[in-house]
Structure formats: C-alpha cells, structure tokens
C-alpha cells in the first residue's frame, strides 16, 4: 500500500514538473531590435543601426513594451522583415525566449 502511495505521489510530481516546463502561448506588442542595443533600439529610427549589428553577427530580439523585457526570437528570418518596426509577435514564450509563430505590424497593416 505504501509503495502505491509513493508511486502516485512521484507520478503527480512528474506531471506537475512537465506542466510547469511548458511555455506560455500568447501575443505581445513591442519592437524588433538587435541584441547589442536592446531596449535603446526599440524605435523606428534605430533600423539602420540594427541592420549594421545584424550584419556583424548580432541576433535580432524582441523588446516587449508591456513588461519592458528583451526576448530572444527563434525565427530570425521572420524578424528581419520587421527590423525597426513596432510589431505583434505571436508564439510561445519560455523564459527569455519566444518560439515565433508570426510577426505582424502592430497596427494591423
């Protein structure tokens, strides 16, 4: 009987751990910028600088205006089309990373 209780307790903990490891799906509004400048580059005037940083090997990131945090983007090609734009990113956030499903202009255009 004790073994069964312990087994169920371990199973419950494993399920809870797996559920906690999953990311959160959603949409966030902010700016595509480069990792070097981060929040300082969260504006349209920063496009040329972000492109220069991208050319020297920096990654593009997403600055979320709601929580004022920087998130890595897994789809760099999709992000390239939106450098220096305010965007709505849809996907799954896990820690400081977003698995991107789509990136569209924030104003819907």
C-alpha atoms as a PDB file:
ATOM      1  CA  UNK A   1       0.000   0.000   0.000  1.00  0.00           C
ATOM      2  CA  UNK A   2       2.834   2.415   0.889  1.00  0.00           C
ATOM      3  CA  UNK A   3       4.560   1.677  -2.422  1.00  0.00           C
ATOM      4  CA  UNK A   4       1.382   2.548  -4.301  1.00  0.00           C
ATOM      5  CA  UNK A   5       1.021   5.856  -2.462  1.00  0.00           C
ATOM      6  CA  UNK A   6       4.662   6.736  -3.108  1.00  0.00           C
ATOM      7  CA  UNK A   7       4.305   5.775  -6.756  1.00  0.00           C
ATOM      8  CA  UNK A   8       1.235   8.001  -7.191  1.00  0.00           C
ATOM      9  CA  UNK A   9       2.983  10.869  -5.397  1.00  0.00           C
ATOM     10  CA  UNK A  10       6.008  10.588  -7.710  1.00  0.00           C
ATOM     11  CA  UNK A  11       3.750  10.407 -10.744  1.00  0.00           C
ATOM     12  CA  UNK A  12       1.896  13.534  -9.616  1.00  0.00           C
ATOM     13  CA  UNK A  13       5.184  15.393  -9.142  1.00  0.00           C
ATOM     14  CA  UNK A  14       6.394  14.348 -12.596  1.00  0.00           C
ATOM     15  CA  UNK A  15       3.185  15.546 -14.238  1.00  0.00           C
ATOM     16  CA  UNK A  16       3.377  18.857 -12.363  1.00  0.00           C
ATOM     17  CA  UNK A  17       7.007  19.338 -13.410  1.00  0.00           C
ATOM     18  CA  UNK A  18       6.192  18.713 -17.068  1.00  0.00           C
ATOM     19  CA  UNK A  19       3.254  21.113 -16.937  1.00  0.00           C
ATOM     20  CA  UNK A  20       5.461  23.802 -15.373  1.00  0.00           C
ATOM     21  CA  UNK A  21       8.133  23.351 -18.035  1.00  0.00           C
ATOM     22  CA  UNK A  22       5.760  24.179 -20.877  1.00  0.00           C
ATOM     23  CA  UNK A  23       5.830  27.700 -22.277  1.00  0.00           C
ATOM     24  CA  UNK A  24       3.024  30.214 -22.379  1.00  0.00           C
ATOM     25  CA  UNK A  25       1.298  30.862 -25.700  1.00  0.00           C
ATOM     26  CA  UNK A  26       0.184  34.366 -26.495  1.00  0.00           C
ATOM     27  CA  UNK A  27       0.771  37.607 -28.372  1.00  0.00           C
ATOM     28  CA  UNK A  28       2.919  40.543 -27.344  1.00  0.00           C
ATOM     29  CA  UNK A  29       3.420  44.037 -28.735  1.00  0.00           C
ATOM     30  CA  UNK A  30       6.833  45.646 -28.967  1.00  0.00           C
ATOM     31  CA  UNK A  31       9.812  46.214 -31.261  1.00  0.00           C
ATOM     32  CA  UNK A  32      12.233  44.085 -33.251  1.00  0.00           C
ATOM     33  CA  UNK A  33      15.714  45.338 -32.434  1.00  0.00           C
ATOM     34  CA  UNK A  34      19.249  43.965 -32.126  1.00  0.00           C
ATOM     35  CA  UNK A  35      20.658  42.240 -29.053  1.00  0.00           C
ATOM     36  CA  UNK A  36      23.509  44.745 -28.725  1.00  0.00           C
ATOM     37  CA  UNK A  37      21.306  47.827 -28.317  1.00  0.00           C
ATOM     38  CA  UNK A  38      18.265  46.087 -26.848  1.00  0.00           C
ATOM     39  CA  UNK A  39      15.700  48.494 -25.380  1.00  0.00           C
ATOM     40  CA  UNK A  40      17.655  51.536 -26.647  1.00  0.00           C
ATOM     41  CA  UNK A  41      16.932  50.328 -30.170  1.00  0.00           C
ATOM     42  CA  UNK A  42      13.186  49.945 -29.684  1.00  0.00           C
ATOM     43  CA  UNK A  43      12.165  52.619 -32.185  1.00  0.00           C
ATOM     44  CA  UNK A  44      11.901  53.218 -35.911  1.00  0.00           C
ATOM     45  CA  UNK A  45      14.982  55.475 -36.002  1.00  0.00           C
ATOM     46  CA  UNK A  46      17.159  52.519 -34.967  1.00  0.00           C
ATOM     47  CA  UNK A  47      16.598  50.433 -38.117  1.00  0.00           C
ATOM     48  CA  UNK A  48      19.929  51.221 -39.823  1.00  0.00           C
ATOM     49  CA  UNK A  49      21.916  50.511 -36.660  1.00  0.00           C
ATOM     50  CA  UNK A  50      20.103  47.204 -36.096  1.00  0.00           C
ATOM     51  CA  UNK A  51      20.814  46.161 -39.687  1.00  0.00           C
ATOM     52  CA  UNK A  52      24.502  47.023 -39.178  1.00  0.00           C
ATOM     53  CA  UNK A  53      24.629  44.956 -35.975  1.00  0.00           C
ATOM     54  CA  UNK A  54      22.856  42.086 -37.724  1.00  0.00           C
ATOM     55  CA  UNK A  55      25.480  42.233 -40.480  1.00  0.00           C
ATOM     56  CA  UNK A  56      28.269  41.808 -37.963  1.00  0.00           C
ATOM     57  CA  UNK A  57      26.635  38.742 -36.427  1.00  0.00           C
ATOM     58  CA  UNK A  58      24.351  40.036 -33.692  1.00  0.00           C
ATOM     59  CA  UNK A  59      20.931  38.425 -33.267  1.00  0.00           C
ATOM     60  CA  UNK A  60      17.586  40.145 -33.535  1.00  0.00           C
ATOM     61  CA  UNK A  61      15.491  40.274 -30.374  1.00  0.00           C
ATOM     62  CA  UNK A  62      12.039  41.427 -29.312  1.00  0.00           C
ATOM     63  CA  UNK A  63      11.531  44.277 -26.834  1.00  0.00           C
ATOM     64  CA  UNK A  64       8.166  43.819 -25.137  1.00  0.00           C
ATOM     65  CA  UNK A  65       6.769  47.243 -24.286  1.00  0.00           C
ATOM     66  CA  UNK A  66       4.367  45.807 -21.677  1.00  0.00           C
ATOM     67  CA  UNK A  67       6.935  44.186 -19.375  1.00  0.00           C
ATOM     68  CA  UNK A  68       9.969  46.127 -20.679  1.00  0.00           C
ATOM     69  CA  UNK A  69      11.964  42.916 -21.218  1.00  0.00           C
ATOM     70  CA  UNK A  70      14.059  41.564 -24.076  1.00  0.00           C
ATOM     71  CA  UNK A  71      13.226  38.157 -25.562  1.00  0.00           C
ATOM     72  CA  UNK A  72      15.276  36.075 -27.994  1.00  0.00           C
ATOM     73  CA  UNK A  73      13.452  35.157 -31.212  1.00  0.00           C
ATOM     74  CA  UNK A  74      13.925  31.695 -32.697  1.00  0.00           C
ATOM     75  CA  UNK A  75      12.892  32.762 -36.212  1.00  0.00           C
ATOM     76  CA  UNK A  76      15.497  35.300 -37.296  1.00  0.00           C
ATOM     77  CA  UNK A  77      14.333  35.336 -40.932  1.00  0.00           C
ATOM     78  CA  UNK A  78      10.823  36.384 -39.938  1.00  0.00           C
ATOM     79  CA  UNK A  79      12.245  39.033 -37.599  1.00  0.00           C
ATOM     80  CA  UNK A  80      14.473  40.506 -40.363  1.00  0.00           C
ATOM     81  CA  UNK A  81      11.412  41.685 -42.252  1.00  0.00           C
ATOM     82  CA  UNK A  82      10.389  43.770 -39.233  1.00  0.00           C
ATOM     83  CA  UNK A  83      13.619  45.431 -38.068  1.00  0.00           C
ATOM     84  CA  UNK A  84      12.794  48.804 -36.559  1.00  0.00           C
ATOM     85  CA  UNK A  85       9.047  48.171 -36.628  1.00  0.00           C
ATOM     86  CA  UNK A  86       6.543  48.047 -33.815  1.00  0.00           C
ATOM     87  CA  UNK A  87       5.087  44.565 -34.114  1.00  0.00           C
ATOM     88  CA  UNK A  88       2.775  41.997 -32.615  1.00  0.00           C
ATOM     89  CA  UNK A  89       4.612  38.714 -32.020  1.00  0.00           C
ATOM     90  CA  UNK A  90       2.530  35.567 -31.626  1.00  0.00           C
ATOM     91  CA  UNK A  91       4.037  32.373 -30.313  1.00  0.00           C
ATOM     92  CA  UNK A  92       5.156  30.620 -27.168  1.00  0.00           C
ATOM     93  CA  UNK A  93       7.358  32.255 -24.558  1.00  0.00           C
ATOM     94  CA  UNK A  94       9.593  30.087 -22.408  1.00  0.00           C
ATOM     95  CA  UNK A  95      11.736  32.083 -20.032  1.00  0.00           C
ATOM     96  CA  UNK A  96      13.515  34.695 -22.152  1.00  0.00           C
ATOM     97  CA  UNK A  97      12.848  33.011 -25.499  1.00  0.00           C
ATOM     98  CA  UNK A  98       9.937  33.179 -27.911  1.00  0.00           C
ATOM     99  CA  UNK A  99       9.187  30.390 -30.361  1.00  0.00           C
ATOM    100  CA  UNK A 100       7.672  32.578 -33.073  1.00  0.00           C
ATOM    101  CA  UNK A 101       4.506  31.620 -34.934  1.00  0.00           C
ATOM    102  CA  UNK A 102       4.028  35.022 -36.585  1.00  0.00           C
ATOM    103  CA  UNK A 103       5.233  38.605 -36.574  1.00  0.00           C
ATOM    104  CA  UNK A 104       2.920  41.289 -37.921  1.00  0.00           C
ATOM    105  CA  UNK A 105       2.768  45.081 -37.846  1.00  0.00           C
ATOM    106  CA  UNK A 106       1.345  46.261 -34.519  1.00  0.00           C
ATOM    107  CA  UNK A 107      -1.205  48.487 -36.223  1.00  0.00           C
ATOM    108  CA  UNK A 108      -2.537  45.549 -38.263  1.00  0.00           C
ATOM    109  CA  UNK A 109      -1.350  46.931 -41.624  1.00  0.00           C
END
